[in-house]
Amino acid sequence: MKKVAVVVCPNIRNFGSVLQSYATQKAVARLGYDNEYIKYVKTKKTAYKYLIQLLIPSIMAERWSFVKRKLFQRKHKDFISRRNKAFDRFVEKYMTASTKYVGYDALRRAAGKYDMAVLGSDQVWNPINSGSDFYTLNWLNDSTKRVAYAPSFGVSEVPSLLRGHYKKFLSKFDHISVREKRGQVIVDDLIGKKVPVVCDPTLLFKSEDWDDILPEKPVAEGKYIFCYFLGNRKEPRECVLKLAKKTGLPIVMMPFFGEISELDNKLNAKFVDDPDPSHFVSAIKNAEYVCTDSYHGTVFSIIYHKRVLVFRRHSADSSKNTFSRLESLLSIAGMKDRVVNDVWEDRFLTDTINYDEVTANIDKLRNYSWNYLSDSLKN
């Protein structure tokens, strides 16, 4: 039997991307399929595929954010290099890779090695990724079975200039599931297909499964508040300071190097040195409180039954508002009351989370998702 190609993004060095990549491969393996993730490196020869993005303002705005991030990383190249190496060691230790395919031609030549492909989660169908033509699976042979497990579009609608492109590659998939309800609407609108919402691959596994990757030592001793923000807004950080003052607990942070916030330096927090994804999971498991605007920060807080406070990455009226996927998750879990609307409320000190009810809700989605993935791979 040929191998299954697992198409994920462990090369994107943020905690959520790597952990969902690991979980996707682990899930396919647990169901009994020999698989490897596709280790693909783009070359400049495919740059022309991005030209249409010059005509799409929303994508170009994201590209500018990417440029600013690269400039920051260049300024702090020694620190970024250490962090990247830590991530790469995690991927090498816990994931099984294909041969490295350099360039799109090499990728297409390798397609015959696989008779099935599983596209993983994260925002792989975000329009900003359209130019690579990797997550579309267009590089595979037409006869290769295609399964999409919990991908996200990351936007409320596909730009009109890309609708034809999306219709073409989506129509080639044998099975499609999505991570959010908005994704259901987009797929139905584009190809007239009703698709299910399944859980993020990280939620397929319970706490005892995630304990297998924990580092030998915890990231901090004693009780603490773990803080992980993707956004750079001041209101969430002001609420964290009030929580720290009222509880007397220290703050532990892992800063995100996308939208840099100088406000993090005012929290008097302990910054974890060169953390990899296992340290991220450990930090959440051992925290008293978790404060985050991150999807996967919230996911692991649910898995480990933490007192979590969920913030918006962008203001509610922002054109960049990406809160729908978190709202969807919290709604399914029965935890919509854990959202902090930028103003501190003392109820977060006293309110309890009924994790028996939350676990029942998540187990229902988890079991459905396992059955969907199993059936999709078989049929």
Protein backbone atom coordinates (compact mmCIF):
# COMPACT_ATOMS: atom_id res chain seq x y z
CA MET A 1 0.00 0.00 0.00
CA LYS A 2 1.28 3.46 -0.85
CA LYS A 3 1.79 6.04 1.84
CA VAL A 4 -0.78 8.66 2.79
CA ALA A 5 0.42 12.21 2.15
CA VAL A 6 -0.38 14.42 5.14
CA VAL A 7 -0.43 18.03 4.00
CA VAL A 8 0.04 20.32 6.99
CA CYS A 9 2.18 23.30 8.00
CA PRO A 10 4.81 22.40 10.64
CA ASN A 11 7.21 24.80 8.90
CA ILE A 12 5.08 27.74 10.14
CA ARG A 13 6.72 28.22 13.48
CA ASN A 14 3.87 29.10 15.77
CA PHE A 15 2.45 26.86 18.45
CA GLY A 16 -0.97 26.26 16.92
CA SER A 17 0.29 25.45 13.43
CA VAL A 18 2.82 22.90 14.65
CA LEU A 19 0.56 21.28 17.24
CA GLN A 20 -2.33 20.82 14.80
CA SER A 21 0.13 19.42 12.23
CA TYR A 22 1.41 16.93 14.79
CA ALA A 23 -2.15 16.00 15.82
CA THR A 24 -3.29 15.48 12.21
CA GLN A 25 -0.46 13.06 11.51
CA LYS A 26 -0.96 11.30 14.83
CA ALA A 27 -4.68 10.85 14.10
CA VAL A 28 -4.05 9.34 10.66
CA ALA A 29 -1.46 6.98 12.18
CA ARG A 30 -3.80 5.98 15.02
CA LEU A 31 -6.37 4.95 12.42
CA GLY A 32 -3.79 2.55 10.98
CA TYR A 33 -2.43 4.41 7.94
CA ASP A 34 1.24 4.64 7.05
CA ASN A 35 1.81 8.31 6.38
CA GLU A 36 4.30 11.14 6.14
CA TYR A 37 3.89 14.88 6.07
CA ILE A 38 4.95 16.58 2.85
CA LYS A 39 8.14 18.55 3.35
CA TYR A 40 7.86 21.13 0.60
CA VAL A 41 10.08 24.14 -0.07
CA LYS A 42 8.86 26.80 -2.49
CA THR A 43 11.18 28.37 -5.04
CA LYS A 44 11.07 31.72 -6.85
CA LYS A 45 9.89 29.95 -10.02
CA THR A 46 6.34 29.87 -8.65
CA ALA A 47 6.26 33.58 -7.78
CA TYR A 48 4.10 34.35 -10.83
CA LYS A 49 1.21 32.48 -9.17
CA TYR A 50 0.98 35.28 -6.62
CA LEU A 51 0.51 38.06 -9.20
CA ILE A 52 -3.29 38.05 -8.96
CA GLN A 53 -2.94 38.91 -5.26
CA LEU A 54 -1.65 42.35 -6.27
CA LEU A 55 -5.23 43.14 -7.26
CA ILE A 56 -6.75 42.11 -3.91
CA PRO A 57 -6.39 44.82 -1.21
CA SER A 58 -7.15 42.52 1.75
CA ILE A 59 -4.37 40.12 0.77
CA MET A 60 -1.88 42.91 0.14
CA ALA A 61 -2.61 44.29 3.61
CA GLU A 62 -1.71 40.88 5.03
CA ARG A 63 1.42 40.82 2.90
CA TRP A 64 2.48 44.16 4.41
CA SER A 65 2.00 42.71 7.90
CA PHE A 66 4.19 39.81 6.82
CA VAL A 67 6.91 42.20 5.65
CA LYS A 68 6.84 44.06 8.98
CA ARG A 69 7.13 40.74 10.81
CA LYS A 70 10.14 39.79 8.71
CA LEU A 71 11.80 43.11 9.47
CA PHE A 72 11.30 42.54 13.19
CA GLN A 73 12.70 39.03 12.95
CA ARG A 74 15.74 40.29 11.08
CA LYS A 75 16.33 42.85 13.84
CA HIS A 76 16.20 40.07 16.45
CA LYS A 77 17.73 37.33 14.31
CA ASP A 78 19.71 35.61 17.09
CA PHE A 79 16.66 35.20 19.30
CA ILE A 80 14.46 34.16 16.36
CA SER A 81 17.07 31.65 15.23
CA ARG A 82 17.11 29.97 18.66
CA ARG A 83 13.32 29.82 18.70
CA ASN A 84 13.16 28.38 15.18
CA LYS A 85 15.69 25.68 16.05
CA ALA A 86 13.62 24.71 19.09
CA PHE A 87 10.54 24.32 16.87
CA ASP A 88 12.46 22.34 14.28
CA ARG A 89 13.77 19.95 16.95
CA PHE A 90 10.19 19.33 18.10
CA VAL A 91 9.04 18.54 14.55
CA GLU A 92 12.00 16.25 13.91
CA LYS A 93 11.37 14.39 17.17
CA TYR A 94 7.63 13.88 16.91
CA MET A 95 6.72 13.94 13.21
CA THR A 96 7.56 11.76 10.19
CA ALA A 97 8.57 13.71 7.10
CA SER A 98 8.76 12.89 3.41
CA THR A 99 11.82 13.54 1.33
CA LYS A 100 12.32 17.28 0.97
CA TYR A 101 10.70 18.42 -2.27
CA VAL A 102 12.28 21.64 -3.50
CA GLY A 103 10.12 23.43 -6.06
CA TYR A 104 6.71 22.72 -7.53
CA ASP A 105 8.05 20.44 -10.27
CA ALA A 106 9.62 18.15 -7.67
CA LEU A 107 6.33 18.12 -5.77
CA ARG A 108 4.42 17.07 -8.88
CA ARG A 109 6.92 14.33 -9.67
CA ALA A 110 6.47 12.93 -6.15
CA ALA A 111 2.68 12.80 -6.44
CA GLY A 112 2.71 9.22 -7.75
CA LYS A 113 4.06 7.98 -4.40
CA TYR A 114 0.71 8.60 -2.74
CA ASP A 115 -2.73 7.18 -3.40
CA MET A 116 -4.41 9.32 -0.75
CA ALA A 117 -3.81 12.74 0.79
CA VAL A 118 -5.15 14.24 4.01
CA LEU A 119 -5.13 18.02 4.17
CA GLY A 120 -4.88 19.18 7.75
CA SER A 121 -6.30 22.07 9.67
CA ASP A 122 -5.27 25.68 10.40
CA GLN A 123 -5.93 28.51 7.93
CA VAL A 124 -4.61 26.53 4.98
CA TRP A 125 -7.40 27.83 2.71
CA ASN A 126 -6.82 31.47 3.62
CA PRO A 127 -6.62 33.44 0.34
CA ILE A 128 -3.10 34.55 1.25
CA ASN A 129 -1.99 30.93 0.72
CA SER A 130 -3.61 30.64 -2.70
CA GLY A 131 -0.48 31.55 -4.62
CA SER A 132 1.53 28.56 -3.40
CA ASP A 133 -1.03 26.11 -4.86
CA PHE A 134 0.13 23.63 -2.20
CA TYR A 135 -2.85 23.36 0.13
CA THR A 136 -5.16 23.15 -2.89
CA LEU A 137 -3.63 19.69 -3.60
CA ASN A 138 -3.58 20.63 -7.29
CA TRP A 139 -0.10 19.08 -7.50
CA LEU A 140 -1.52 15.59 -6.96
CA ASN A 141 -2.62 13.22 -9.72
CA ASP A 142 -6.32 13.43 -10.54
CA SER A 143 -6.77 9.82 -9.38
CA THR A 144 -5.43 10.52 -5.89
CA LYS A 145 -8.06 10.51 -3.17
CA ARG A 146 -8.35 13.84 -1.34
CA VAL A 147 -9.62 14.29 2.22
CA ALA A 148 -9.83 17.72 3.88
CA TYR A 149 -9.93 17.48 7.66
CA ALA A 150 -10.96 20.70 9.47
CA PRO A 151 -9.31 23.35 7.28
CA SER A 152 -10.17 26.98 7.88
CA PHE A 153 -10.56 29.77 5.34
CA GLY A 154 -9.60 32.41 7.91
CA VAL A 155 -11.88 34.94 6.19
CA SER A 156 -15.62 35.54 6.03
CA GLU A 157 -15.66 35.26 2.23
CA VAL A 158 -13.33 34.41 -0.65
CA PRO A 159 -12.29 37.42 -2.79
CA SER A 160 -14.23 37.51 -6.04
CA LEU A 161 -11.06 37.27 -8.17
CA LEU A 162 -10.23 33.91 -6.56
CA ARG A 163 -13.68 32.30 -6.61
CA GLY A 164 -13.02 30.38 -9.84
CA HIS A 165 -9.72 29.07 -8.46
CA TYR A 166 -11.42 27.89 -5.26
CA LYS A 167 -14.33 26.25 -7.09
CA LYS A 168 -11.93 24.24 -9.22
CA PHE A 169 -9.78 22.76 -6.46
CA LEU A 170 -12.61 22.26 -3.96
CA SER A 171 -14.53 20.24 -6.53
CA LYS A 172 -11.67 17.71 -6.69
CA PHE A 173 -11.92 16.76 -3.01
CA ASP A 174 -13.62 13.45 -2.23
CA HIS A 175 -14.38 14.47 1.37
CA ILE A 176 -14.46 17.96 2.89
CA SER A 177 -14.99 18.94 6.50
CA VAL A 178 -14.33 22.37 8.01
CA ARG A 179 -13.41 23.77 11.41
CA GLU A 180 -15.96 26.59 11.64
CA LYS A 181 -19.54 27.21 10.67
CA ARG A 182 -18.47 30.05 8.39
CA GLY A 183 -16.46 27.51 6.40
CA GLN A 184 -19.66 25.53 5.83
CA VAL A 185 -21.28 28.60 4.29
CA ILE A 186 -18.29 29.32 2.03
CA VAL A 187 -18.08 25.76 0.67
CA ASP A 188 -21.83 25.63 0.06
CA ASP A 189 -21.68 28.98 -1.71
CA LEU A 190 -18.76 27.97 -3.93
CA ILE A 191 -19.58 24.38 -4.92
CA GLY A 192 -23.08 23.76 -3.51
CA LYS A 193 -21.89 21.06 -1.12
CA LYS A 194 -23.08 20.58 2.46
CA VAL A 195 -20.07 19.76 4.62
CA PRO A 196 -19.74 18.98 8.34
CA VAL A 197 -18.01 20.95 11.05
CA VAL A 198 -15.47 18.82 12.91
CA CYS A 199 -13.12 19.62 15.77
CA ASP A 200 -9.62 20.97 15.33
CA PRO A 201 -7.18 18.01 15.22
CA THR A 202 -5.69 19.04 18.57
CA LEU A 203 -9.09 18.40 20.17
CA LEU A 204 -9.17 14.83 18.85
CA PHE A 205 -6.84 13.93 21.71
CA LYS A 206 -7.38 14.09 25.46
CA SER A 207 -5.07 15.43 28.14
CA GLU A 208 -3.40 12.06 28.75
CA ASP A 209 -2.41 11.92 25.08
CA TRP A 210 -0.90 15.40 25.20
CA ASP A 211 1.00 14.51 28.38
CA ASP A 212 3.19 12.29 26.15
CA ILE A 213 4.98 15.31 24.69
CA LEU A 214 5.47 17.36 27.86
CA PRO A 215 9.03 18.47 28.65
CA GLU A 216 10.81 17.00 31.66
CA LYS A 217 10.63 20.25 33.64
CA PRO A 218 7.70 22.69 33.86
CA VAL A 219 8.25 26.15 32.44
CA ALA A 220 7.68 27.78 35.85
CA GLU A 221 7.48 26.76 39.49
CA GLY A 222 4.48 27.33 41.72
CA LYS A 223 1.18 28.95 40.80
CA TYR A 224 1.01 31.50 37.98
CA ILE A 225 -1.11 33.18 35.31
CA PHE A 226 -0.14 32.08 31.80
CA CYS A 227 -0.54 34.81 29.21
CA TYR A 228 -0.40 34.25 25.45
CA PHE A 229 -1.61 37.00 23.12
CA LEU A 230 -1.47 37.18 19.34
CA GLY A 231 -2.84 40.71 19.17
CA ASN A 232 -1.22 43.95 20.33
CA ARG A 233 -4.16 45.62 22.09
CA LYS A 234 -3.80 47.27 25.49
CA GLU A 235 -7.21 46.31 26.97
CA PRO A 236 -6.46 42.58 27.40
CA ARG A 237 -3.15 43.36 29.07
CA GLU A 238 -4.82 45.81 31.45
CA CYS A 239 -7.22 43.05 32.48
CA VAL A 240 -4.29 40.67 33.06
CA LEU A 241 -2.66 43.23 35.35
CA LYS A 242 -5.89 43.47 37.38
CA LEU A 243 -6.10 39.68 37.63
CA ALA A 244 -2.49 39.52 38.82
CA LYS A 245 -3.11 42.26 41.41
CA LYS A 246 -6.26 40.65 42.77
CA THR A 247 -4.80 37.12 42.95
CA GLY A 248 -1.22 37.96 43.84
CA LEU A 249 -0.04 35.54 41.17
CA PRO A 250 2.97 36.14 38.91
CA ILE A 251 2.57 36.27 35.12
CA VAL A 252 4.32 33.86 32.76
CA MET A 253 4.41 34.77 29.05
CA MET A 254 5.36 33.40 25.67
CA PRO A 255 5.31 36.41 23.35
CA PHE A 256 4.06 36.06 19.79
CA PHE A 257 6.26 37.59 17.12
CA GLY A 258 3.60 38.49 14.61
CA GLU A 259 1.95 41.62 16.00
CA ILE A 260 4.57 42.88 18.42
CA SER A 261 3.34 44.68 21.52
CA GLU A 262 5.64 46.77 23.67
CA LEU A 263 2.91 46.54 26.31
CA ASP A 264 4.13 43.03 27.12
CA ASN A 265 7.22 44.55 28.68
CA LYS A 266 5.02 46.40 31.20
CA LEU A 267 3.46 43.25 32.63
CA ASN A 268 6.51 42.40 34.75
CA ALA A 269 6.18 38.85 33.45
CA LYS A 270 8.57 35.94 33.28
CA PHE A 271 9.31 35.25 29.61
CA VAL A 272 9.94 31.59 28.81
CA ASP A 273 13.29 31.08 27.05
CA ASP A 274 13.20 29.54 23.55
CA PRO A 275 9.94 27.63 24.03
CA ASP A 276 8.86 24.90 21.64
CA PRO A 277 5.27 23.58 21.30
CA SER A 278 5.72 21.15 24.20
CA HIS A 279 6.52 24.08 26.53
CA PHE A 280 3.35 25.82 25.35
CA VAL A 281 1.24 22.79 26.32
CA SER A 282 3.08 22.48 29.63
CA ALA A 283 2.59 26.17 30.46
CA ILE A 284 -1.17 25.81 30.02
CA LYS A 285 -1.43 22.53 31.91
CA ASN A 286 0.27 23.91 35.02
CA ALA A 287 -1.30 27.39 35.09
CA GLU A 288 -3.90 28.61 37.57
CA TYR A 289 -5.37 30.97 34.98
CA VAL A 290 -4.88 31.23 31.22
CA CYS A 291 -5.39 34.60 29.49
CA THR A 292 -5.37 34.38 25.72
CA ASP A 293 -6.77 35.60 22.41
CA SER A 294 -5.41 32.48 20.72
CA TYR A 295 -7.56 29.68 19.29
CA HIS A 296 -5.16 26.97 20.36
CA GLY A 297 -4.50 28.66 23.67
CA THR A 298 -8.23 28.25 24.28
CA VAL A 299 -8.27 24.66 22.96
CA PHE A 300 -5.58 23.49 25.36
CA SER A 301 -7.20 25.38 28.23
CA ILE A 302 -10.33 23.32 27.56
CA ILE A 303 -8.36 20.08 27.28
CA TYR A 304 -6.67 20.71 30.65
CA HIS A 305 -9.78 22.18 32.37
CA LYS A 306 -8.22 25.56 33.07
CA ARG A 307 -9.79 28.79 34.31
CA VAL A 308 -9.47 30.54 30.98
CA LEU A 309 -10.19 34.16 30.06
CA VAL A 310 -10.67 34.63 26.33
CA PHE A 311 -10.02 38.00 24.69
CA ARG A 312 -10.50 39.39 21.19
CA ARG A 313 -7.36 39.67 19.10
CA HIS A 314 -8.83 42.64 17.24
CA SER A 315 -11.50 45.11 18.30
CA ALA A 316 -15.06 44.01 17.52
CA ASP A 317 -15.43 46.64 14.76
CA SER A 318 -12.10 45.86 13.10
CA SER A 319 -12.02 44.70 9.47
CA LYS A 320 -9.47 42.11 10.65
CA ASN A 321 -11.88 40.59 13.17
CA THR A 322 -11.04 36.86 13.39
CA PHE A 323 -13.08 36.04 16.48
CA SER A 324 -15.68 33.85 14.72
CA ARG A 325 -13.65 30.66 15.08
CA LEU A 326 -13.24 31.24 18.82
CA GLU A 327 -16.93 32.05 19.18
CA SER A 328 -17.76 28.82 17.38
CA LEU A 329 -15.51 26.79 19.70
CA LEU A 330 -16.81 28.43 22.89
CA SER A 331 -20.40 28.01 21.74
CA ILE A 332 -19.92 24.28 21.12
CA ALA A 333 -18.16 23.86 24.46
CA GLY A 334 -20.81 25.85 26.35
CA MET A 335 -18.28 28.46 27.48
CA LYS A 336 -19.43 31.69 25.83
CA ASP A 337 -19.34 33.40 29.23
CA ARG A 338 -15.53 33.12 29.30
CA VAL A 339 -15.16 36.02 26.85
CA VAL A 340 -13.75 39.20 28.39
CA ASN A 341 -15.15 42.24 26.60
CA ASP A 342 -12.14 44.45 27.33
CA VAL A 343 -13.41 45.41 30.80
CA TRP A 344 -12.36 43.54 33.93
CA GLU A 345 -15.16 41.81 35.86
CA ASP A 346 -14.65 40.31 39.32
CA ARG A 347 -16.85 37.38 38.29
CA PHE A 348 -13.78 35.81 36.69
CA LEU A 349 -12.39 35.30 40.20
CA THR A 350 -15.48 33.54 41.50
CA ASP A 351 -17.29 31.98 38.55
CA THR A 352 -16.56 28.30 38.00
CA ILE A 353 -16.55 26.40 34.72
CA ASN A 354 -18.70 23.27 34.67
CA TYR A 355 -16.12 21.06 33.03
CA ASP A 356 -18.33 17.99 33.33
CA GLU A 357 -20.75 19.69 30.95
CA VAL A 358 -17.96 21.08 28.77
CA THR A 359 -16.32 17.65 28.50
CA ALA A 360 -19.62 16.07 27.48
CA ASN A 361 -20.04 18.70 24.76
CA ILE A 362 -16.48 18.28 23.49
CA ASP A 363 -16.65 14.47 23.64
CA LYS A 364 -19.73 14.53 21.43
CA LEU A 365 -17.88 16.60 18.82
CA ARG A 366 -14.68 14.58 19.29
CA ASN A 367 -16.42 11.23 18.71
CA TYR A 368 -18.26 12.58 15.67
CA SER A 369 -14.97 13.91 14.27
CA TRP A 370 -13.10 10.62 14.77
CA ASN A 371 -15.90 8.77 12.99
CA TYR A 372 -15.90 11.28 10.13
CA LEU A 373 -12.13 11.00 9.63
CA SER A 374 -12.18 7.21 9.84
CA ASP A 375 -15.03 6.89 7.35
CA SER A 376 -13.47 9.41 4.97
CA LEU A 377 -10.20 7.50 4.86
CA LYS A 378 -11.97 4.18 4.30
CA ASN A 379 -14.59 5.17 1.74
